[in-house]
Full PDB file with SEQRES, HELIX, SHEET, SSBOND, CRYST1, ORIGX, SCALE, CONECT and MASTER records, all heavy atoms in Angstrom:
SEQRES   1 A   32  ASP GLY ASN ALA LEU LYS PHE ASN TYR TRP LEU PRO SER          
SEQRES   2 A   32  SER ALA PRO ALA VAL GLU ALA ILE HIS ASN ARG THR PRO          
SEQRES   3 A   32  PRO VAL GLY LYS VAL LEU                                      
HELIX    1 AA1 GLY A    2  LYS A    6  1                                   5    
HELIX    2 AA2 PRO A   12  SER A   14  5                                   3    
HELIX    3 AA3 PRO A   16  HIS A   22  1                                   7    
CRYST1    1.000    1.000    1.000  90.00  90.00  90.00 P 1           1          
ORIGX1      1.000000  0.000000  0.000000        0.00000                         
ORIGX2      0.000000  1.000000  0.000000        0.00000                         
ORIGX3      0.000000  0.000000  1.000000        0.00000                         
SCALE1      1.000000  0.000000  0.000000        0.00000                         
SCALE2      0.000000  1.000000  0.000000        0.00000                         
SCALE3      0.000000  0.000000  1.000000        0.00000                         
ATOM      1  N   ASP A   1    -169.574 109.688 -74.020  1.00  0.00           N  
ATOM      2  CA  ASP A   1    -170.498 108.855 -73.180  1.00  0.00           C  
ATOM      3  C   ASP A   1    -170.341 109.248 -71.700  1.00  0.00           C  
ATOM      4  O   ASP A   1    -171.294 109.313 -70.971  1.00  0.00           O  
ATOM      5  CB  ASP A   1    -170.201 107.303 -73.322  1.00  0.00           C  
ATOM      6  CG  ASP A   1    -170.566 106.925 -74.787  1.00  0.00           C  
ATOM      7  OD1 ASP A   1    -171.296 107.679 -75.453  1.00  0.00           O  
ATOM      8  OD2 ASP A   1    -170.059 105.918 -75.213  1.00  0.00           O  
ATOM      9  N   GLY A   2    -169.123 109.413 -71.378  1.00  0.00           N  
ATOM     10  CA  GLY A   2    -168.801 109.807 -69.938  1.00  0.00           C  
ATOM     11  C   GLY A   2    -169.415 111.164 -69.609  1.00  0.00           C  
ATOM     12  O   GLY A   2    -170.027 111.330 -68.592  1.00  0.00           O  
ATOM     13  N   ASN A   3    -169.276 112.145 -70.481  1.00  0.00           N  
ATOM     14  CA  ASN A   3    -169.840 113.497 -70.365  1.00  0.00           C  
ATOM     15  C   ASN A   3    -171.380 113.494 -70.330  1.00  0.00           C  
ATOM     16  O   ASN A   3    -172.056 114.211 -69.585  1.00  0.00           O  
ATOM     17  CB  ASN A   3    -169.279 114.493 -71.320  1.00  0.00           C  
ATOM     18  CG  ASN A   3    -167.842 114.855 -71.074  1.00  0.00           C  
ATOM     19  OD1 ASN A   3    -167.430 114.794 -69.966  1.00  0.00           O  
ATOM     20  ND2 ASN A   3    -167.148 115.180 -72.117  1.00  0.00           N  
ATOM     21  N   ALA A   4    -171.921 112.671 -71.196  1.00  0.00           N  
ATOM     22  CA  ALA A   4    -173.421 112.537 -71.289  1.00  0.00           C  
ATOM     23  C   ALA A   4    -174.021 112.078 -69.963  1.00  0.00           C  
ATOM     24  O   ALA A   4    -175.015 112.557 -69.440  1.00  0.00           O  
ATOM     25  CB  ALA A   4    -173.859 111.630 -72.365  1.00  0.00           C  
ATOM     26  N   LEU A   5    -173.233 111.113 -69.284  1.00  0.00           N  
ATOM     27  CA  LEU A   5    -173.637 110.582 -68.033  1.00  0.00           C  
ATOM     28  C   LEU A   5    -173.570 111.721 -66.956  1.00  0.00           C  
ATOM     29  O   LEU A   5    -174.411 111.843 -66.018  1.00  0.00           O  
ATOM     30  CB  LEU A   5    -172.820 109.402 -67.614  1.00  0.00           C  
ATOM     31  CG  LEU A   5    -173.120 108.736 -66.308  1.00  0.00           C  
ATOM     32  CD1 LEU A   5    -174.590 108.188 -66.280  1.00  0.00           C  
ATOM     33  CD2 LEU A   5    -172.208 107.582 -65.942  1.00  0.00           C  
ATOM     34  N   LYS A   6    -172.504 112.511 -67.170  1.00  0.00           N  
ATOM     35  CA  LYS A   6    -172.202 113.574 -66.146  1.00  0.00           C  
ATOM     36  C   LYS A   6    -173.384 114.605 -66.145  1.00  0.00           C  
ATOM     37  O   LYS A   6    -173.747 115.081 -64.979  1.00  0.00           O  
ATOM     38  CB  LYS A   6    -170.874 114.324 -66.465  1.00  0.00           C  
ATOM     39  CG  LYS A   6    -170.641 115.428 -65.574  1.00  0.00           C  
ATOM     40  CD  LYS A   6    -169.355 116.054 -65.968  1.00  0.00           C  
ATOM     41  CE  LYS A   6    -169.004 117.265 -65.071  1.00  0.00           C  
ATOM     42  NZ  LYS A   6    -167.734 117.879 -65.411  1.00  0.00           N  
ATOM     43  N   PHE A   7    -174.058 114.758 -67.303  1.00  0.00           N  
ATOM     44  CA  PHE A   7    -175.151 115.676 -67.350  1.00  0.00           C  
ATOM     45  C   PHE A   7    -176.520 115.153 -67.203  1.00  0.00           C  
ATOM     46  O   PHE A   7    -177.470 115.683 -67.607  1.00  0.00           O  
ATOM     47  CB  PHE A   7    -175.035 116.537 -68.680  1.00  0.00           C  
ATOM     48  CG  PHE A   7    -173.846 117.408 -68.716  1.00  0.00           C  
ATOM     49  CD1 PHE A   7    -172.819 117.143 -69.624  1.00  0.00           C  
ATOM     50  CD2 PHE A   7    -173.723 118.493 -67.936  1.00  0.00           C  
ATOM     51  CE1 PHE A   7    -171.746 117.988 -69.766  1.00  0.00           C  
ATOM     52  CE2 PHE A   7    -172.574 119.319 -68.026  1.00  0.00           C  
ATOM     53  CZ  PHE A   7    -171.617 119.120 -68.860  1.00  0.00           C  
ATOM     54  N   ASN A   8    -176.537 113.894 -66.674  1.00  0.00           N  
ATOM     55  CA  ASN A   8    -177.820 113.269 -66.498  1.00  0.00           C  
ATOM     56  C   ASN A   8    -178.584 113.977 -65.436  1.00  0.00           C  
ATOM     57  O   ASN A   8    -178.161 114.200 -64.286  1.00  0.00           O  
ATOM     58  CB  ASN A   8    -177.589 111.789 -66.064  1.00  0.00           C  
ATOM     59  CG  ASN A   8    -178.909 111.018 -66.044  1.00  0.00           C  
ATOM     60  OD1 ASN A   8    -179.971 111.607 -65.975  1.00  0.00           O  
ATOM     61  ND2 ASN A   8    -178.729 109.675 -66.111  1.00  0.00           N  
ATOM     62  N   TYR A   9    -179.820 114.471 -65.805  1.00  0.00           N  
ATOM     63  CA  TYR A   9    -180.603 115.202 -64.821  1.00  0.00           C  
ATOM     64  C   TYR A   9    -181.007 114.471 -63.575  1.00  0.00           C  
ATOM     65  O   TYR A   9    -181.138 115.146 -62.496  1.00  0.00           O  
ATOM     66  CB  TYR A   9    -181.941 115.601 -65.559  1.00  0.00           C  
ATOM     67  CG  TYR A   9    -183.045 116.132 -64.677  1.00  0.00           C  
ATOM     68  CD1 TYR A   9    -182.943 117.368 -64.076  1.00  0.00           C  
ATOM     69  CD2 TYR A   9    -184.114 115.320 -64.281  1.00  0.00           C  
ATOM     70  CE1 TYR A   9    -183.911 117.827 -63.198  1.00  0.00           C  
ATOM     71  CE2 TYR A   9    -185.066 115.818 -63.378  1.00  0.00           C  
ATOM     72  CZ  TYR A   9    -184.920 117.085 -62.883  1.00  0.00           C  
ATOM     73  OH  TYR A   9    -185.969 117.506 -62.041  1.00  0.00           O  
ATOM     74  N   TRP A  10    -181.101 113.126 -63.722  1.00  0.00           N  
ATOM     75  CA  TRP A  10    -181.501 112.371 -62.497  1.00  0.00           C  
ATOM     76  C   TRP A  10    -180.445 112.204 -61.494  1.00  0.00           C  
ATOM     77  O   TRP A  10    -180.714 111.663 -60.346  1.00  0.00           O  
ATOM     78  CB  TRP A  10    -182.079 111.023 -63.029  1.00  0.00           C  
ATOM     79  CG  TRP A  10    -183.252 111.180 -63.883  1.00  0.00           C  
ATOM     80  CD1 TRP A  10    -183.245 111.005 -65.290  1.00  0.00           C  
ATOM     81  CD2 TRP A  10    -184.543 111.563 -63.518  1.00  0.00           C  
ATOM     82  NE1 TRP A  10    -184.581 111.221 -65.761  1.00  0.00           N  
ATOM     83  CE2 TRP A  10    -185.385 111.670 -64.677  1.00  0.00           C  
ATOM     84  CE3 TRP A  10    -185.135 112.012 -62.266  1.00  0.00           C  
ATOM     85  CZ2 TRP A  10    -186.651 112.039 -64.715  1.00  0.00           C  
ATOM     86  CZ3 TRP A  10    -186.523 112.370 -62.324  1.00  0.00           C  
ATOM     87  CH2 TRP A  10    -187.211 112.364 -63.482  1.00  0.00           C  
ATOM     88  N   LEU A  11    -179.176 112.491 -61.804  1.00  0.00           N  
ATOM     89  CA  LEU A  11    -178.108 112.400 -60.845  1.00  0.00           C  
ATOM     90  C   LEU A  11    -178.250 113.610 -59.808  1.00  0.00           C  
ATOM     91  O   LEU A  11    -178.471 114.695 -60.175  1.00  0.00           O  
ATOM     92  CB  LEU A  11    -176.795 112.507 -61.506  1.00  0.00           C  
ATOM     93  CG  LEU A  11    -176.411 111.294 -62.426  1.00  0.00           C  
ATOM     94  CD1 LEU A  11    -175.041 111.546 -63.051  1.00  0.00           C  
ATOM     95  CD2 LEU A  11    -176.447 110.016 -61.568  1.00  0.00           C  
ATOM     96  N   PRO A  12    -178.041 113.316 -58.484  1.00  0.00           N  
ATOM     97  CA  PRO A  12    -178.098 114.392 -57.445  1.00  0.00           C  
ATOM     98  C   PRO A  12    -177.217 115.559 -57.795  1.00  0.00           C  
ATOM     99  O   PRO A  12    -177.505 116.707 -57.436  1.00  0.00           O  
ATOM    100  CB  PRO A  12    -177.705 113.655 -56.258  1.00  0.00           C  
ATOM    101  CG  PRO A  12    -178.091 112.217 -56.418  1.00  0.00           C  
ATOM    102  CD  PRO A  12    -177.762 111.950 -57.916  1.00  0.00           C  
ATOM    103  N   SER A  13    -176.105 115.307 -58.376  1.00  0.00           N  
ATOM    104  CA  SER A  13    -175.049 116.306 -58.700  1.00  0.00           C  
ATOM    105  C   SER A  13    -175.552 117.244 -59.711  1.00  0.00           C  
ATOM    106  O   SER A  13    -174.968 118.424 -59.875  1.00  0.00           O  
ATOM    107  CB  SER A  13    -173.707 115.717 -59.059  1.00  0.00           C  
ATOM    108  OG  SER A  13    -173.938 114.894 -60.239  1.00  0.00           O  
ATOM    109  N   SER A  14    -176.554 116.853 -60.530  1.00  0.00           N  
ATOM    110  CA  SER A  14    -177.010 117.713 -61.540  1.00  0.00           C  
ATOM    111  C   SER A  14    -178.144 118.658 -61.076  1.00  0.00           C  
ATOM    112  O   SER A  14    -178.506 119.510 -61.868  1.00  0.00           O  
ATOM    113  CB  SER A  14    -177.666 116.837 -62.666  1.00  0.00           C  
ATOM    114  OG  SER A  14    -176.658 115.974 -63.255  1.00  0.00           O  
ATOM    115  N   ALA A  15    -178.535 118.487 -59.874  1.00  0.00           N  
ATOM    116  CA  ALA A  15    -179.641 119.385 -59.359  1.00  0.00           C  
ATOM    117  C   ALA A  15    -179.230 119.952 -58.036  1.00  0.00           C  
ATOM    118  O   ALA A  15    -180.006 119.659 -57.024  1.00  0.00           O  
ATOM    119  CB  ALA A  15    -180.931 118.705 -59.339  1.00  0.00           C  
ATOM    120  N   PRO A  16    -178.143 120.702 -57.788  1.00  0.00           N  
ATOM    121  CA  PRO A  16    -177.800 121.156 -56.500  1.00  0.00           C  
ATOM    122  C   PRO A  16    -178.718 122.066 -55.911  1.00  0.00           C  
ATOM    123  O   PRO A  16    -178.964 122.228 -54.786  1.00  0.00           O  
ATOM    124  CB  PRO A  16    -176.459 121.933 -56.809  1.00  0.00           C  
ATOM    125  CG  PRO A  16    -176.487 122.255 -58.288  1.00  0.00           C  
ATOM    126  CD  PRO A  16    -177.229 121.149 -58.976  1.00  0.00           C  
ATOM    127  N   ALA A  17    -179.461 123.016 -56.832  1.00  0.00           N  
ATOM    128  CA  ALA A  17    -180.414 123.869 -56.360  1.00  0.00           C  
ATOM    129  C   ALA A  17    -181.541 123.195 -55.681  1.00  0.00           C  
ATOM    130  O   ALA A  17    -182.086 123.622 -54.651  1.00  0.00           O  
ATOM    131  CB  ALA A  17    -180.916 124.730 -57.459  1.00  0.00           C  
ATOM    132  N   VAL A  18    -182.012 122.060 -56.233  1.00  0.00           N  
ATOM    133  CA  VAL A  18    -183.131 121.308 -55.658  1.00  0.00           C  
ATOM    134  C   VAL A  18    -182.758 120.742 -54.331  1.00  0.00           C  
ATOM    135  O   VAL A  18    -183.482 120.744 -53.366  1.00  0.00           O  
ATOM    136  CB  VAL A  18    -183.517 120.138 -56.656  1.00  0.00           C  
ATOM    137  CG1 VAL A  18    -184.607 119.357 -55.995  1.00  0.00           C  
ATOM    138  CG2 VAL A  18    -183.884 120.686 -57.963  1.00  0.00           C  
ATOM    139  N   GLU A  19    -181.534 120.176 -54.256  1.00  0.00           N  
ATOM    140  CA  GLU A  19    -181.019 119.618 -52.982  1.00  0.00           C  
ATOM    141  C   GLU A  19    -180.956 120.675 -51.847  1.00  0.00           C  
ATOM    142  O   GLU A  19    -181.359 120.441 -50.755  1.00  0.00           O  
ATOM    143  CB  GLU A  19    -179.644 118.962 -53.088  1.00  0.00           C  
ATOM    144  CG  GLU A  19    -179.779 117.644 -53.948  1.00  0.00           C  
ATOM    145  CD  GLU A  19    -178.470 116.898 -53.844  1.00  0.00           C  
ATOM    146  OE1 GLU A  19    -177.455 117.588 -53.527  1.00  0.00           O  
ATOM    147  OE2 GLU A  19    -178.391 115.776 -54.186  1.00  0.00           O  
ATOM    148  N   ALA A  20    -180.491 121.892 -52.222  1.00  0.00           N  
ATOM    149  CA  ALA A  20    -180.395 122.909 -51.230  1.00  0.00           C  
ATOM    150  C   ALA A  20    -181.728 123.367 -50.660  1.00  0.00           C  
ATOM    151  O   ALA A  20    -181.866 123.641 -49.462  1.00  0.00           O  
ATOM    152  CB  ALA A  20    -179.739 124.158 -51.857  1.00  0.00           C  
ATOM    153  N   ILE A  21    -182.758 123.395 -51.573  1.00  0.00           N  
ATOM    154  CA  ILE A  21    -184.067 123.775 -51.162  1.00  0.00           C  
ATOM    155  C   ILE A  21    -184.694 122.680 -50.318  1.00  0.00           C  
ATOM    156  O   ILE A  21    -185.413 122.887 -49.218  1.00  0.00           O  
ATOM    157  CB  ILE A  21    -184.987 124.125 -52.312  1.00  0.00           C  
ATOM    158  CG1 ILE A  21    -184.492 125.304 -53.024  1.00  0.00           C  
ATOM    159  CG2 ILE A  21    -186.448 124.269 -51.941  1.00  0.00           C  
ATOM    160  CD1 ILE A  21    -185.197 125.690 -54.322  1.00  0.00           C  
ATOM    161  N   HIS A  22    -184.513 121.471 -50.757  1.00  0.00           N  
ATOM    162  CA  HIS A  22    -185.088 120.308 -50.067  1.00  0.00           C  
ATOM    163  C   HIS A  22    -184.531 120.207 -48.619  1.00  0.00           C  
ATOM    164  O   HIS A  22    -185.282 119.646 -47.713  1.00  0.00           O  
ATOM    165  CB  HIS A  22    -184.819 118.986 -50.820  1.00  0.00           C  
ATOM    166  CG  HIS A  22    -185.325 117.813 -50.190  1.00  0.00           C  
ATOM    167  ND1 HIS A  22    -186.710 117.527 -50.213  1.00  0.00           N  
ATOM    168  CD2 HIS A  22    -184.830 116.717 -49.520  1.00  0.00           C  
ATOM    169  CE1 HIS A  22    -186.941 116.374 -49.617  1.00  0.00           C  
ATOM    170  NE2 HIS A  22    -185.803 115.877 -49.156  1.00  0.00           N  
ATOM    171  N   ASN A  23    -183.318 120.571 -48.367  1.00  0.00           N  
ATOM    172  CA  ASN A  23    -182.718 120.428 -47.051  1.00  0.00           C  
ATOM    173  C   ASN A  23    -183.232 121.503 -46.069  1.00  0.00           C  
ATOM    174  O   ASN A  23    -182.869 121.415 -44.892  1.00  0.00           O  
ATOM    175  CB  ASN A  23    -181.183 120.502 -47.181  1.00  0.00           C  
ATOM    176  CG  ASN A  23    -180.695 119.221 -47.760  1.00  0.00           C  
ATOM    177  OD1 ASN A  23    -181.332 118.165 -47.755  1.00  0.00           O  
ATOM    178  ND2 ASN A  23    -179.485 119.339 -48.400  1.00  0.00           N  
ATOM    179  N   ARG A  24    -183.882 122.541 -46.618  1.00  0.00           N  
ATOM    180  CA  ARG A  24    -184.387 123.581 -45.681  1.00  0.00           C  
ATOM    181  C   ARG A  24    -185.573 123.034 -44.769  1.00  0.00           C  
ATOM    182  O   ARG A  24    -186.316 122.157 -45.230  1.00  0.00           O  
ATOM    183  CB  ARG A  24    -184.915 124.756 -46.512  1.00  0.00           C  
ATOM    184  CG  ARG A  24    -183.850 125.527 -47.285  1.00  0.00           C  
ATOM    185  CD  ARG A  24    -184.425 126.655 -47.976  1.00  0.00           C  
ATOM    186  NE  ARG A  24    -183.396 127.259 -48.893  1.00  0.00           N  
ATOM    187  CZ  ARG A  24    -183.728 128.181 -49.767  1.00  0.00           C  
ATOM    188  NH1 ARG A  24    -184.990 128.582 -49.872  1.00  0.00           N  
ATOM    189  NH2 ARG A  24    -182.835 128.721 -50.591  1.00  0.00           N  
ATOM    190  N   THR A  25    -185.646 123.565 -43.592  1.00  0.00           N  
ATOM    191  CA  THR A  25    -186.727 123.048 -42.677  1.00  0.00           C  
ATOM    192  C   THR A  25    -187.646 124.279 -42.354  1.00  0.00           C  
ATOM    193  O   THR A  25    -187.118 125.414 -42.198  1.00  0.00           O  
ATOM    194  CB  THR A  25    -186.123 122.550 -41.345  1.00  0.00           C  
ATOM    195  OG1 THR A  25    -185.269 123.506 -40.743  1.00  0.00           O  
ATOM    196  CG2 THR A  25    -185.367 121.273 -41.667  1.00  0.00           C  
ATOM    197  N   PRO A  26    -188.958 124.176 -42.258  1.00  0.00           N  
ATOM    198  CA  PRO A  26    -189.763 125.314 -42.063  1.00  0.00           C  
ATOM    199  C   PRO A  26    -189.584 125.818 -40.620  1.00  0.00           C  
ATOM    200  O   PRO A  26    -189.359 125.003 -39.687  1.00  0.00           O  
ATOM    201  CB  PRO A  26    -191.214 124.629 -42.191  1.00  0.00           C  
ATOM    202  CG  PRO A  26    -191.038 123.190 -41.970  1.00  0.00           C  
ATOM    203  CD  PRO A  26    -189.615 122.868 -42.472  1.00  0.00           C  
ATOM    204  N   PRO A  27    -189.768 127.100 -40.443  1.00  0.00           N  
ATOM    205  CA  PRO A  27    -189.569 127.695 -39.013  1.00  0.00           C  
ATOM    206  C   PRO A  27    -190.636 127.307 -38.167  1.00  0.00           C  
ATOM    207  O   PRO A  27    -191.827 127.232 -38.576  1.00  0.00           O  
ATOM    208  CB  PRO A  27    -189.576 129.206 -39.300  1.00  0.00           C  
ATOM    209  CG  PRO A  27    -190.381 129.342 -40.630  1.00  0.00           C  
ATOM    210  CD  PRO A  27    -190.046 128.097 -41.506  1.00  0.00           C  
ATOM    211  N   VAL A  28    -190.342 127.006 -36.953  1.00  0.00           N  
ATOM    212  CA  VAL A  28    -191.310 126.690 -35.973  1.00  0.00           C  
ATOM    213  C   VAL A  28    -191.470 127.775 -34.901  1.00  0.00           C  
ATOM    214  O   VAL A  28    -190.532 128.034 -34.250  1.00  0.00           O  
ATOM    215  CB  VAL A  28    -191.036 125.294 -35.235  1.00  0.00           C  
ATOM    216  CG1 VAL A  28    -192.069 125.046 -34.168  1.00  0.00           C  
ATOM    217  CG2 VAL A  28    -190.874 124.188 -36.261  1.00  0.00           C  
ATOM    218  N   GLY A  29    -192.588 128.519 -34.936  1.00  0.00           N  
ATOM    219  CA  GLY A  29    -192.677 129.660 -34.047  1.00  0.00           C  
ATOM    220  C   GLY A  29    -193.320 129.256 -32.679  1.00  0.00           C  
ATOM    221  O   GLY A  29    -193.813 128.170 -32.509  1.00  0.00           O  
ATOM    222  N   LYS A  30    -193.144 130.043 -31.693  1.00  0.00           N  
ATOM    223  CA  LYS A  30    -193.722 129.799 -30.310  1.00  0.00           C  
ATOM    224  C   LYS A  30    -194.602 130.930 -29.963  1.00  0.00           C  
ATOM    225  O   LYS A  30    -194.346 132.101 -30.336  1.00  0.00           O  
ATOM    226  CB  LYS A  30    -192.472 129.747 -29.280  1.00  0.00           C  
ATOM    227  CG  LYS A  30    -191.620 128.487 -29.504  1.00  0.00           C  
ATOM    228  CD  LYS A  30    -190.601 128.476 -28.460  1.00  0.00           C  
ATOM    229  CE  LYS A  30    -189.641 127.190 -28.667  1.00  0.00           C  
ATOM    230  NZ  LYS A  30    -188.609 127.134 -27.570  1.00  0.00           N  
ATOM    231  N   VAL A  31    -195.648 130.637 -29.234  1.00  0.00           N  
ATOM    232  CA  VAL A  31    -196.539 131.690 -28.705  1.00  0.00           C  
ATOM    233  C   VAL A  31    -195.898 132.448 -27.638  1.00  0.00           C  
ATOM    234  O   VAL A  31    -195.255 131.880 -26.696  1.00  0.00           O  
ATOM    235  CB  VAL A  31    -197.847 131.027 -28.154  1.00  0.00           C  
ATOM    236  CG1 VAL A  31    -198.787 132.089 -27.640  1.00  0.00           C  
ATOM    237  CG2 VAL A  31    -198.508 130.182 -29.270  1.00  0.00           C  
ATOM    238  N   LEU A  32    -195.912 133.799 -27.751  1.00  0.00           N  
ATOM    239  CA  LEU A  32    -195.210 134.613 -26.788  1.00  0.00           C  
ATOM    240  C   LEU A  32    -196.224 135.309 -25.836  1.00  0.00           C  
ATOM    241  O   LEU A  32    -197.388 135.598 -26.195  1.00  0.00           O  
ATOM    242  CB  LEU A  32    -194.441 135.725 -27.557  1.00  0.00           C  
ATOM    243  CG  LEU A  32    -193.413 135.232 -28.513  1.00  0.00           C  
ATOM    244  CD1 LEU A  32    -192.701 136.428 -29.168  1.00  0.00           C  
ATOM    245  CD2 LEU A  32    -192.383 134.364 -27.861  1.00  0.00           C  
TER     246      LEU A  32                                                      
MASTER        0    0    0    3    0    0    0    6  245    1    0    3          
END                                                                             
């Protein structure tokens, strides 16, 4: 039961790749 909970998809720890992408911010360019 404990391990099944560990692999729950809905837990943030189960989707590190998603969190890494979500934390990225789009580049803001300036007119030169």
